[in-house]
Amino acid sequence: MLKYKLHLFARSDIKEVIKYYENEMPGLGSDFLQELRSTLHLIQTHPKIGAIQEENIRKFSLDRFSYDVFYCIENNMIKVAGVLHQRRDPDLIKSRLKDLP
């Protein structure tokens, strides 16, 4: 199982989503986080499960929430560049991947 690292932008995305859902309904942010953790575990176990978007960028969708996890696999590490709502422009991820260490 590969380890993963969340880019600062991904961490920010996650915090914003949790805050939004908690404001909508208490406990919903926790539900989102639980599903995200399950999704990240699935990606760790099966790194190539995500659909290739472009070059080495992969996308995998959460089941319950309309969010996608964007990541790449480099040097036996999963680098999560973002967790974006499915209506957001996925091109945002390309600029983020340039900043990954």
PDB file of N, CA and C in Angstrom:
ATOM      1  N   MET A   1       0.855  -1.179   0.000  1.00  0.00           N
ATOM      2  CA  MET A   1       0.000   0.000   0.000  1.00  0.00           C
ATOM      3  C   MET A   1       0.898   1.238   0.000  1.00  0.00           C
ATOM      4  N   LEU A   2       0.612   2.146  -0.930  1.00  0.00           N
ATOM      5  CA  LEU A   2       1.385   3.377  -1.026  1.00  0.00           C
ATOM      6  C   LEU A   2       0.903   4.398  -0.001  1.00  0.00           C
ATOM      7  N   LYS A   3       1.813   5.243   0.415  1.00  0.00           N
ATOM      8  CA  LYS A   3       1.450   6.348   1.295  1.00  0.00           C
ATOM      9  C   LYS A   3       0.972   7.507   0.424  1.00  0.00           C
ATOM     10  N   TYR A   4       0.235   8.422   1.043  1.00  0.00           N
ATOM     11  CA  TYR A   4      -0.183   9.606   0.298  1.00  0.00           C
ATOM     12  C   TYR A   4       0.212  10.860   1.052  1.00  0.00           C
ATOM     13  N   LYS A   5       0.311  11.933   0.283  1.00  0.00           N
ATOM     14  CA  LYS A   5       0.617  13.239   0.855  1.00  0.00           C
ATOM     15  C   LYS A   5      -0.387  14.233   0.286  1.00  0.00           C
ATOM     16  N   LEU A   6      -0.973  15.021   1.183  1.00  0.00           N
ATOM     17  CA  LEU A   6      -1.924  16.047   0.766  1.00  0.00           C
ATOM     18  C   LEU A   6      -1.188  17.356   0.502  1.00  0.00           C
ATOM     19  N   HIS A   7      -1.353  17.888  -0.690  1.00  0.00           N
ATOM     20  CA  HIS A   7      -0.821  19.198  -1.029  1.00  0.00           C
ATOM     21  C   HIS A   7      -1.528  20.232  -0.147  1.00  0.00           C
ATOM     22  N   LEU A   8      -0.895  21.345   0.114  1.00  0.00           N
ATOM     23  CA  LEU A   8      -1.513  22.391   0.938  1.00  0.00           C
ATOM     24  C   LEU A   8      -2.862  22.824   0.375  1.00  0.00           C
ATOM     25  N   PHE A   9      -2.955  22.867  -0.958  1.00  0.00           N
ATOM     26  CA  PHE A   9      -4.227  23.229  -1.579  1.00  0.00           C
ATOM     27  C   PHE A   9      -5.297  22.181  -1.268  1.00  0.00           C
ATOM     28  N   ALA A  10      -4.920  20.911  -1.287  1.00  0.00           N
ATOM     29  CA  ALA A  10      -5.872  19.840  -0.987  1.00  0.00           C
ATOM     30  C   ALA A  10      -6.359  19.962   0.459  1.00  0.00           C
ATOM     31  N   ARG A  11      -5.441  20.252   1.360  1.00  0.00           N
ATOM     32  CA  ARG A  11      -5.830  20.435   2.766  1.00  0.00           C
ATOM     33  C   ARG A  11      -6.829  21.583   2.899  1.00  0.00           C
ATOM     34  N   SER A  12      -6.565  22.657   2.174  1.00  0.00           N
ATOM     35  CA  SER A  12      -7.452  23.810   2.195  1.00  0.00           C
ATOM     36  C   SER A  12      -8.821  23.445   1.610  1.00  0.00           C
ATOM     37  N   ASP A  13      -8.820  22.710   0.499  1.00  0.00           N
ATOM     38  CA  ASP A  13     -10.077  22.256  -0.104  1.00  0.00           C
ATOM     39  C   ASP A  13     -10.906  21.483   0.906  1.00  0.00           C
ATOM     40  N   ILE A  14     -10.267  20.554   1.579  1.00  0.00           N
ATOM     41  CA  ILE A  14     -10.957  19.673   2.525  1.00  0.00           C
ATOM     42  C   ILE A  14     -11.543  20.476   3.682  1.00  0.00           C
ATOM     43  N   LYS A  15     -10.757  21.396   4.219  1.00  0.00           N
ATOM     44  CA  LYS A  15     -11.248  22.232   5.327  1.00  0.00           C
ATOM     45  C   LYS A  15     -12.469  23.045   4.916  1.00  0.00           C
ATOM     46  N   GLU A  16     -12.426  23.601   3.696  1.00  0.00           N
ATOM     47  CA  GLU A  16     -13.549  24.401   3.212  1.00  0.00           C
ATOM     48  C   GLU A  16     -14.806  23.556   3.049  1.00  0.00           C
ATOM     49  N   VAL A  17     -14.647  22.355   2.508  1.00  0.00           N
ATOM     50  CA  VAL A  17     -15.803  21.484   2.295  1.00  0.00           C
ATOM     51  C   VAL A  17     -16.406  21.072   3.634  1.00  0.00           C
ATOM     52  N   ILE A  18     -15.564  20.691   4.572  1.00  0.00           N
ATOM     53  CA  ILE A  18     -16.064  20.290   5.892  1.00  0.00           C
ATOM     54  C   ILE A  18     -16.817  21.448   6.544  1.00  0.00           C
ATOM     55  N   LYS A  19     -16.239  22.623   6.484  1.00  0.00           N
ATOM     56  CA  LYS A  19     -16.884  23.808   7.076  1.00  0.00           C
ATOM     57  C   LYS A  19     -18.233  24.065   6.405  1.00  0.00           C
ATOM     58  N   TYR A  20     -18.283  23.993   5.082  1.00  0.00           N
ATOM     59  CA  TYR A  20     -19.529  24.211   4.352  1.00  0.00           C
ATOM     60  C   TYR A  20     -20.594  23.210   4.791  1.00  0.00           C
ATOM     61  N   TYR A  21     -20.249  21.920   4.786  1.00  0.00           N
ATOM     62  CA  TYR A  21     -21.230  20.892   5.131  1.00  0.00           C
ATOM     63  C   TYR A  21     -21.663  20.979   6.592  1.00  0.00           C
ATOM     64  N   GLU A  22     -20.761  21.328   7.488  1.00  0.00           N
ATOM     65  CA  GLU A  22     -21.137  21.480   8.891  1.00  0.00           C
ATOM     66  C   GLU A  22     -22.113  22.642   9.078  1.00  0.00           C
ATOM     67  N   ASN A  23     -21.936  23.696   8.280  1.00  0.00           N
ATOM     68  CA  ASN A  23     -22.872  24.819   8.344  1.00  0.00           C
ATOM     69  C   ASN A  23     -24.239  24.433   7.790  1.00  0.00           C
ATOM     70  N   GLU A  24     -24.248  23.552   6.804  1.00  0.00           N
ATOM     71  CA  GLU A  24     -25.509  23.102   6.217  1.00  0.00           C
ATOM     72  C   GLU A  24     -26.269  22.183   7.171  1.00  0.00           C
ATOM     73  N   MET A  25     -25.531  21.242   7.780  1.00  0.00           N
ATOM     74  CA  MET A  25     -26.149  20.300   8.710  1.00  0.00           C
ATOM     75  C   MET A  25     -25.060  19.734   9.616  1.00  0.00           C
ATOM     76  N   PRO A  26     -25.175  19.965  10.921  1.00  0.00           N
ATOM     77  CA  PRO A  26     -24.165  19.431  11.837  1.00  0.00           C
ATOM     78  C   PRO A  26     -23.986  17.917  11.641  1.00  0.00           C
ATOM     79  N   GLY A  27     -22.729  17.508  11.541  1.00  0.00           N
ATOM     80  CA  GLY A  27     -22.401  16.100  11.348  1.00  0.00           C
ATOM     81  C   GLY A  27     -22.133  15.733   9.899  1.00  0.00           C
ATOM     82  N   LEU A  28     -22.620  16.560   8.977  1.00  0.00           N
ATOM     83  CA  LEU A  28     -22.429  16.252   7.551  1.00  0.00           C
ATOM     84  C   LEU A  28     -20.964  16.418   7.143  1.00  0.00           C
ATOM     85  N   GLY A  29     -20.272  17.365   7.756  1.00  0.00           N
ATOM     86  CA  GLY A  29     -18.842  17.544   7.487  1.00  0.00           C
ATOM     87  C   GLY A  29     -18.052  16.322   7.923  1.00  0.00           C
ATOM     88  N   SER A  30     -18.426  15.749   9.055  1.00  0.00           N
ATOM     89  CA  SER A  30     -17.781  14.518   9.530  1.00  0.00           C
ATOM     90  C   SER A  30     -18.057  13.356   8.592  1.00  0.00           C
ATOM     91  N   ASP A  31     -19.275  13.313   8.063  1.00  0.00           N
ATOM     92  CA  ASP A  31     -19.617  12.267   7.092  1.00  0.00           C
ATOM     93  C   ASP A  31     -18.752  12.399   5.842  1.00  0.00           C
ATOM     94  N   PHE A  32     -18.573  13.647   5.387  1.00  0.00           N
ATOM     95  CA  PHE A  32     -17.724  13.888   4.221  1.00  0.00           C
ATOM     96  C   PHE A  32     -16.301  13.413   4.499  1.00  0.00           C
ATOM     97  N   LEU A  33     -15.769  13.788   5.648  1.00  0.00           N
ATOM     98  CA  LEU A  33     -14.401  13.411   5.991  1.00  0.00           C
ATOM     99  C   LEU A  33     -14.245  11.897   6.064  1.00  0.00           C
ATOM    100  N   GLN A  34     -15.232  11.222   6.608  1.00  0.00           N
ATOM    101  CA  GLN A  34     -15.178   9.761   6.693  1.00  0.00           C
ATOM    102  C   GLN A  34     -15.168   9.135   5.291  1.00  0.00           C
ATOM    103  N   GLU A  35     -16.009   9.658   4.406  1.00  0.00           N
ATOM    104  CA  GLU A  35     -16.014   9.114   3.044  1.00  0.00           C
ATOM    105  C   GLU A  35     -14.707   9.431   2.329  1.00  0.00           C
ATOM    106  N   LEU A  36     -14.168  10.615   2.543  1.00  0.00           N
ATOM    107  CA  LEU A  36     -12.891  10.979   1.926  1.00  0.00           C
ATOM    108  C   LEU A  36     -11.787  10.041   2.403  1.00  0.00           C
ATOM    109  N   ARG A  37     -11.749   9.762   3.691  1.00  0.00           N
ATOM    110  CA  ARG A  37     -10.734   8.841   4.225  1.00  0.00           C
ATOM    111  C   ARG A  37     -10.872   7.453   3.606  1.00  0.00           C
ATOM    112  N   SER A  38     -12.101   6.982   3.455  1.00  0.00           N
ATOM    113  CA  SER A  38     -12.330   5.675   2.825  1.00  0.00           C
ATOM    114  C   SER A  38     -11.856   5.688   1.380  1.00  0.00           C
ATOM    115  N   THR A  39     -12.124   6.788   0.696  1.00  0.00           N
ATOM    116  CA  THR A  39     -11.702   6.924  -0.702  1.00  0.00           C
ATOM    117  C   THR A  39     -10.182   6.953  -0.809  1.00  0.00           C
ATOM    118  N   LEU A  40      -9.533   7.694   0.080  1.00  0.00           N
ATOM    119  CA  LEU A  40      -8.069   7.751   0.065  1.00  0.00           C
ATOM    120  C   LEU A  40      -7.465   6.381   0.369  1.00  0.00           C
ATOM    121  N   HIS A  41      -8.088   5.639   1.265  1.00  0.00           N
ATOM    122  CA  HIS A  41      -7.608   4.283   1.563  1.00  0.00           C
ATOM    123  C   HIS A  41      -7.742   3.388   0.328  1.00  0.00           C
ATOM    124  N   LEU A  42      -8.846   3.518  -0.379  1.00  0.00           N
ATOM    125  CA  LEU A  42      -9.045   2.746  -1.606  1.00  0.00           C
ATOM    126  C   LEU A  42      -7.988   3.112  -2.643  1.00  0.00           C
ATOM    127  N   ILE A  43      -7.700   4.396  -2.773  1.00  0.00           N
ATOM    128  CA  ILE A  43      -6.669   4.847  -3.714  1.00  0.00           C
ATOM    129  C   ILE A  43      -5.303   4.321  -3.286  1.00  0.00           C
ATOM    130  N   GLN A  44      -5.029   4.313  -1.987  1.00  0.00           N
ATOM    131  CA  GLN A  44      -3.758   3.767  -1.502  1.00  0.00           C
ATOM    132  C   GLN A  44      -3.625   2.287  -1.871  1.00  0.00           C
ATOM    133  N   THR A  45      -4.707   1.564  -1.710  1.00  0.00           N
ATOM    134  CA  THR A  45      -4.698   0.127  -1.964  1.00  0.00           C
ATOM    135  C   THR A  45      -4.635  -0.178  -3.459  1.00  0.00           C
ATOM    136  N   HIS A  46      -5.293   0.658  -4.252  1.00  0.00           N
ATOM    137  CA  HIS A  46      -5.355   0.476  -5.711  1.00  0.00           C
ATOM    138  C   HIS A  46      -5.042   1.810  -6.380  1.00  0.00           C
ATOM    139  N   PRO A  47      -3.781   2.218  -6.412  1.00  0.00           N
ATOM    140  CA  PRO A  47      -3.410   3.559  -6.879  1.00  0.00           C
ATOM    141  C   PRO A  47      -3.851   3.899  -8.305  1.00  0.00           C
ATOM    142  N   LYS A  48      -3.986   2.898  -9.143  1.00  0.00           N
ATOM    143  CA  LYS A  48      -4.347   3.176 -10.536  1.00  0.00           C
ATOM    144  C   LYS A  48      -5.853   3.121 -10.769  1.00  0.00           C
ATOM    145  N   ILE A  49      -6.629   3.145  -9.700  1.00  0.00           N
ATOM    146  CA  ILE A  49      -8.087   3.073  -9.811  1.00  0.00           C
ATOM    147  C   ILE A  49      -8.678   4.328 -10.454  1.00  0.00           C
ATOM    148  N   GLY A  50      -8.030   5.455 -10.260  1.00  0.00           N
ATOM    149  CA  GLY A  50      -8.537   6.710 -10.806  1.00  0.00           C
ATOM    150  C   GLY A  50      -8.370   6.793 -12.311  1.00  0.00           C
ATOM    151  N   ALA A  51      -9.321   7.431 -12.943  1.00  0.00           N
ATOM    152  CA  ALA A  51      -9.256   7.626 -14.398  1.00  0.00           C
ATOM    153  C   ALA A  51      -8.170   8.642 -14.728  1.00  0.00           C
ATOM    154  N   ILE A  52      -7.388   8.338 -15.744  1.00  0.00           N
ATOM    155  CA  ILE A  52      -6.333   9.257 -16.170  1.00  0.00           C
ATOM    156  C   ILE A  52      -6.987  10.452 -16.859  1.00  0.00           C
ATOM    157  N   GLN A  53      -6.656  11.639 -16.377  1.00  0.00           N
ATOM    158  CA  GLN A  53      -7.190  12.867 -16.950  1.00  0.00           C
ATOM    159  C   GLN A  53      -6.260  13.425 -18.011  1.00  0.00           C
ATOM    160  N   GLU A  54      -5.009  13.481 -17.666  1.00  0.00           N
ATOM    161  CA  GLU A  54      -4.004  14.050 -18.534  1.00  0.00           C
ATOM    162  C   GLU A  54      -2.647  13.653 -17.994  1.00  0.00           C
ATOM    163  N   GLU A  55      -1.782  13.236 -18.855  1.00  0.00           N
ATOM    164  CA  GLU A  55      -0.451  12.792 -18.452  1.00  0.00           C
ATOM    165  C   GLU A  55      -0.531  11.871 -17.238  1.00  0.00           C
ATOM    166  N   ASN A  56      -0.061  12.319 -16.098  1.00  0.00           N
ATOM    167  CA  ASN A  56      -0.061  11.446 -14.919  1.00  0.00           C
ATOM    168  C   ASN A  56      -1.110  11.840 -13.881  1.00  0.00           C
ATOM    169  N   ILE A  57      -2.034  12.696 -14.248  1.00  0.00           N
ATOM    170  CA  ILE A  57      -3.069  13.147 -13.318  1.00  0.00           C
ATOM    171  C   ILE A  57      -4.237  12.154 -13.356  1.00  0.00           C
ATOM    172  N   ARG A  58      -4.636  11.709 -12.179  1.00  0.00           N
ATOM    173  CA  ARG A  58      -5.766  10.786 -12.071  1.00  0.00           C
ATOM    174  C   ARG A  58      -6.878  11.439 -11.256  1.00  0.00           C
ATOM    175  N   LYS A  59      -8.097  10.977 -11.517  1.00  0.00           N
ATOM    176  CA  LYS A  59      -9.265  11.509 -10.813  1.00  0.00           C
ATOM    177  C   LYS A  59     -10.115  10.337 -10.344  1.00  0.00           C
ATOM    178  N   PHE A  60     -10.535  10.416  -9.087  1.00  0.00           N
ATOM    179  CA  PHE A  60     -11.433   9.395  -8.547  1.00  0.00           C
ATOM    180  C   PHE A  60     -12.536  10.103  -7.769  1.00  0.00           C
ATOM    181  N   SER A  61     -13.771   9.720  -8.022  1.00  0.00           N
ATOM    182  CA  SER A  61     -14.935  10.385  -7.433  1.00  0.00           C
ATOM    183  C   SER A  61     -15.372   9.730  -6.133  1.00  0.00           C
ATOM    184  N   LEU A  62     -15.804  10.572  -5.203  1.00  0.00           N
ATOM    185  CA  LEU A  62     -16.428  10.074  -3.986  1.00  0.00           C
ATOM    186  C   LEU A  62     -17.817   9.554  -4.347  1.00  0.00           C
ATOM    187  N   ASP A  63     -18.331   8.632  -3.572  1.00  0.00           N
ATOM    188  CA  ASP A  63     -19.651   8.060  -3.866  1.00  0.00           C
ATOM    189  C   ASP A  63     -20.795   8.978  -3.468  1.00  0.00           C
ATOM    190  N   ARG A  64     -20.818   9.380  -2.222  1.00  0.00           N
ATOM    191  CA  ARG A  64     -21.965  10.102  -1.673  1.00  0.00           C
ATOM    192  C   ARG A  64     -21.949  11.592  -1.995  1.00  0.00           C
ATOM    193  N   PHE A  65     -20.774  12.161  -2.081  1.00  0.00           N
ATOM    194  CA  PHE A  65     -20.641  13.590  -2.294  1.00  0.00           C
ATOM    195  C   PHE A  65     -20.106  13.858  -3.700  1.00  0.00           C
ATOM    196  N   SER A  66     -20.493  14.986  -4.265  1.00  0.00           N
ATOM    197  CA  SER A  66     -20.107  15.329  -5.640  1.00  0.00           C
ATOM    198  C   SER A  66     -18.719  15.970  -5.688  1.00  0.00           C
ATOM    199  N   TYR A  67     -17.735  15.217  -5.219  1.00  0.00           N
ATOM    200  CA  TYR A  67     -16.359  15.700  -5.194  1.00  0.00           C
ATOM    201  C   TYR A  67     -15.443  14.665  -5.825  1.00  0.00           C
ATOM    202  N   ASP A  68     -14.360  15.178  -6.424  1.00  0.00           N
ATOM    203  CA  ASP A  68     -13.341  14.329  -7.033  1.00  0.00           C
ATOM    204  C   ASP A  68     -12.017  14.536  -6.319  1.00  0.00           C
ATOM    205  N   VAL A  69     -11.268  13.451  -6.186  1.00  0.00           N
ATOM    206  CA  VAL A  69      -9.912  13.507  -5.650  1.00  0.00           C
ATOM    207  C   VAL A  69      -8.976  13.464  -6.858  1.00  0.00           C
ATOM    208  N   PHE A  70      -8.134  14.476  -6.985  1.00  0.00           N
ATOM    209  CA  PHE A  70      -7.148  14.540  -8.063  1.00  0.00           C
ATOM    210  C   PHE A  70      -5.785  14.217  -7.475  1.00  0.00           C
ATOM    211  N   TYR A  71      -5.086  13.312  -8.125  1.00  0.00           N
ATOM    212  CA  TYR A  71      -3.800  12.881  -7.583  1.00  0.00           C
ATOM    213  C   TYR A  71      -2.886  12.382  -8.698  1.00  0.00           C
ATOM    214  N   CYS A  72      -1.634  12.233  -8.354  1.00  0.00           N
ATOM    215  CA  CYS A  72      -0.662  11.614  -9.255  1.00  0.00           C
ATOM    216  C   CYS A  72       0.181  10.648  -8.424  1.00  0.00           C
ATOM    217  N   ILE A  73       0.807   9.744  -9.112  1.00  0.00           N
ATOM    218  CA  ILE A  73       1.669   8.757  -8.455  1.00  0.00           C
ATOM    219  C   ILE A  73       3.096   9.043  -8.909  1.00  0.00           C
ATOM    220  N   GLU A  74       3.951   9.366  -7.962  1.00  0.00           N
ATOM    221  CA  GLU A  74       5.357   9.646  -8.259  1.00  0.00           C
ATOM    222  C   GLU A  74       6.232   9.055  -7.173  1.00  0.00           C
ATOM    223  N   ASN A  75       7.257   8.342  -7.583  1.00  0.00           N
ATOM    224  CA  ASN A  75       8.223   7.770  -6.642  1.00  0.00           C
ATOM    225  C   ASN A  75       7.544   6.988  -5.520  1.00  0.00           C
ATOM    226  N   ASN A  76       6.631   6.114  -5.890  1.00  0.00           N
ATOM    227  CA  ASN A  76       5.900   5.284  -4.923  1.00  0.00           C
ATOM    228  C   ASN A  76       5.175   6.099  -3.858  1.00  0.00           C
ATOM    229  N   MET A  77       4.683   7.254  -4.258  1.00  0.00           N
ATOM    230  CA  MET A  77       3.937   8.138  -3.365  1.00  0.00           C
ATOM    231  C   MET A  77       2.731   8.673  -4.138  1.00  0.00           C
ATOM    232  N   ILE A  78       1.585   8.711  -3.467  1.00  0.00           N
ATOM    233  CA  ILE A  78       0.390   9.312  -4.038  1.00  0.00           C
ATOM    234  C   ILE A  78       0.359  10.763  -3.576  1.00  0.00           C
ATOM    235  N   LYS A  79       0.367  11.671  -4.522  1.00  0.00           N
ATOM    236  CA  LYS A  79       0.351  13.094  -4.202  1.00  0.00           C
ATOM    237  C   LYS A  79      -1.016  13.652  -4.553  1.00  0.00           C
ATOM    238  N   VAL A  80      -1.761  14.010  -3.532  1.00  0.00           N
ATOM    239  CA  VAL A  80      -3.117  14.524  -3.714  1.00  0.00           C
ATOM    240  C   VAL A  80      -3.043  16.033  -3.927  1.00  0.00           C
ATOM    241  N   ALA A  81      -3.450  16.460  -5.122  1.00  0.00           N
ATOM    242  CA  ALA A  81      -3.359  17.873  -5.481  1.00  0.00           C
ATOM    243  C   ALA A  81      -4.621  18.644  -5.151  1.00  0.00           C
ATOM    244  N   GLY A  82      -5.737  17.941  -5.029  1.00  0.00           N
ATOM    245  CA  GLY A  82      -6.965  18.655  -4.723  1.00  0.00           C
ATOM    246  C   GLY A  82      -8.155  17.751  -4.536  1.00  0.00           C
ATOM    247  N   VAL A  83      -9.135  18.300  -3.862  1.00  0.00           N
ATOM    248  CA  VAL A  83     -10.430  17.654  -3.682  1.00  0.00           C
ATOM    249  C   VAL A  83     -11.442  18.718  -4.098  1.00  0.00           C
ATOM    250  N   LEU A  84     -11.930  18.576  -5.325  1.00  0.00           N
ATOM    251  CA  LEU A  84     -12.761  19.626  -5.908  1.00  0.00           C
ATOM    252  C   LEU A  84     -14.174  19.154  -6.189  1.00  0.00           C
ATOM    253  N   HIS A  85     -15.109  20.089  -6.059  1.00  0.00           N
ATOM    254  CA  HIS A  85     -16.483  19.803  -6.449  1.00  0.00           C
ATOM    255  C   HIS A  85     -16.484  19.499  -7.948  1.00  0.00           C
ATOM    256  N   GLN A  86     -17.359  18.634  -8.365  1.00  0.00           N
ATOM    257  CA  GLN A  86     -17.372  18.189  -9.757  1.00  0.00           C
ATOM    258  C   GLN A  86     -17.752  19.289 -10.738  1.00  0.00           C
ATOM    259  N   ARG A  87     -18.271  20.387 -10.253  1.00  0.00           N
ATOM    260  CA  ARG A  87     -18.596  21.512 -11.143  1.00  0.00           C
ATOM    261  C   ARG A  87     -17.449  22.509 -11.295  1.00  0.00           C
ATOM    262  N   ARG A  88     -16.393  22.330 -10.517  1.00  0.00           N
ATOM    263  CA  ARG A  88     -15.238  23.240 -10.630  1.00  0.00           C
ATOM    264  C   ARG A  88     -14.378  22.852 -11.814  1.00  0.00           C
ATOM    265  N   ASP A  89     -13.619  23.800 -12.304  1.00  0.00           N
ATOM    266  CA  ASP A  89     -12.757  23.588 -13.464  1.00  0.00           C
ATOM    267  C   ASP A  89     -11.589  22.687 -13.084  1.00  0.00           C
ATOM    268  N   PRO A  90     -11.495  21.492 -13.691  1.00  0.00           N
ATOM    269  CA  PRO A  90     -10.403  20.575 -13.346  1.00  0.00           C
ATOM    270  C   PRO A  90      -9.025  21.064 -13.795  1.00  0.00           C
ATOM    271  N   ASP A  91      -8.984  22.081 -14.665  1.00  0.00           N
ATOM    272  CA  ASP A  91      -7.689  22.625 -15.087  1.00  0.00           C
ATOM    273  C   ASP A  91      -6.934  23.264 -13.922  1.00  0.00           C
ATOM    274  N   LEU A  92      -7.641  23.604 -12.868  1.00  0.00           N
ATOM    275  CA  LEU A  92      -7.008  24.155 -11.669  1.00  0.00           C
ATOM    276  C   LEU A  92      -5.949  23.191 -11.128  1.00  0.00           C
ATOM    277  N   ILE A  93      -6.181  21.910 -11.291  1.00  0.00           N
ATOM    278  CA  ILE A  93      -5.278  20.899 -10.765  1.00  0.00           C
ATOM    279  C   ILE A  93      -3.923  20.947 -11.485  1.00  0.00           C
ATOM    280  N   LYS A  94      -3.922  21.231 -12.761  1.00  0.00           N
ATOM    281  CA  LYS A  94      -2.650  21.282 -13.513  1.00  0.00           C
ATOM    282  C   LYS A  94      -1.680  22.271 -12.896  1.00  0.00           C
ATOM    283  N   SER A  95      -2.182  23.435 -12.536  1.00  0.00           N
ATOM    284  CA  SER A  95      -1.284  24.450 -11.937  1.00  0.00           C
ATOM    285  C   SER A  95      -0.818  24.004 -10.564  1.00  0.00           C
ATOM    286  N   ARG A  96      -1.662  23.305  -9.835  1.00  0.00           N
ATOM    287  CA  ARG A  96      -1.275  22.819  -8.512  1.00  0.00           C
ATOM    288  C   ARG A  96      -0.187  21.755  -8.596  1.00  0.00           C
ATOM    289  N   LEU A  97      -0.284  20.900  -9.582  1.00  0.00           N
ATOM    290  CA  LEU A  97       0.701  19.817  -9.694  1.00  0.00           C
ATOM    291  C   LEU A  97       2.098  20.351  -9.972  1.00  0.00           C
ATOM    292  N   LYS A  98       2.179  21.490 -10.607  1.00  0.00           N
ATOM    293  CA  LYS A  98       3.483  22.103 -10.867  1.00  0.00           C
ATOM    294  C   LYS A  98       4.169  22.496  -9.559  1.00  0.00           C
ATOM    295  N   ASP A  99       3.353  22.786  -8.538  1.00  0.00           N
ATOM    296  CA  ASP A  99       3.893  23.244  -7.254  1.00  0.00           C
ATOM    297  C   ASP A  99       4.192  22.108  -6.279  1.00  0.00           C
ATOM    298  N   LEU A 100       3.841  20.865  -6.647  1.00  0.00           N
ATOM    299  CA  LEU A 100       4.104  19.767  -5.733  1.00  0.00           C
ATOM    300  C   LEU A 100       5.596  19.502  -5.636  1.00  0.00           C
ATOM    301  N   PRO A 101       6.084  19.297  -4.418  1.00  0.00           N
ATOM    302  CA  PRO A 101       7.521  19.006  -4.258  1.00  0.00           C
ATOM    303  C   PRO A 101       7.850  17.606  -4.748  1.00  0.00           C
TER     304      PRO A 101
END
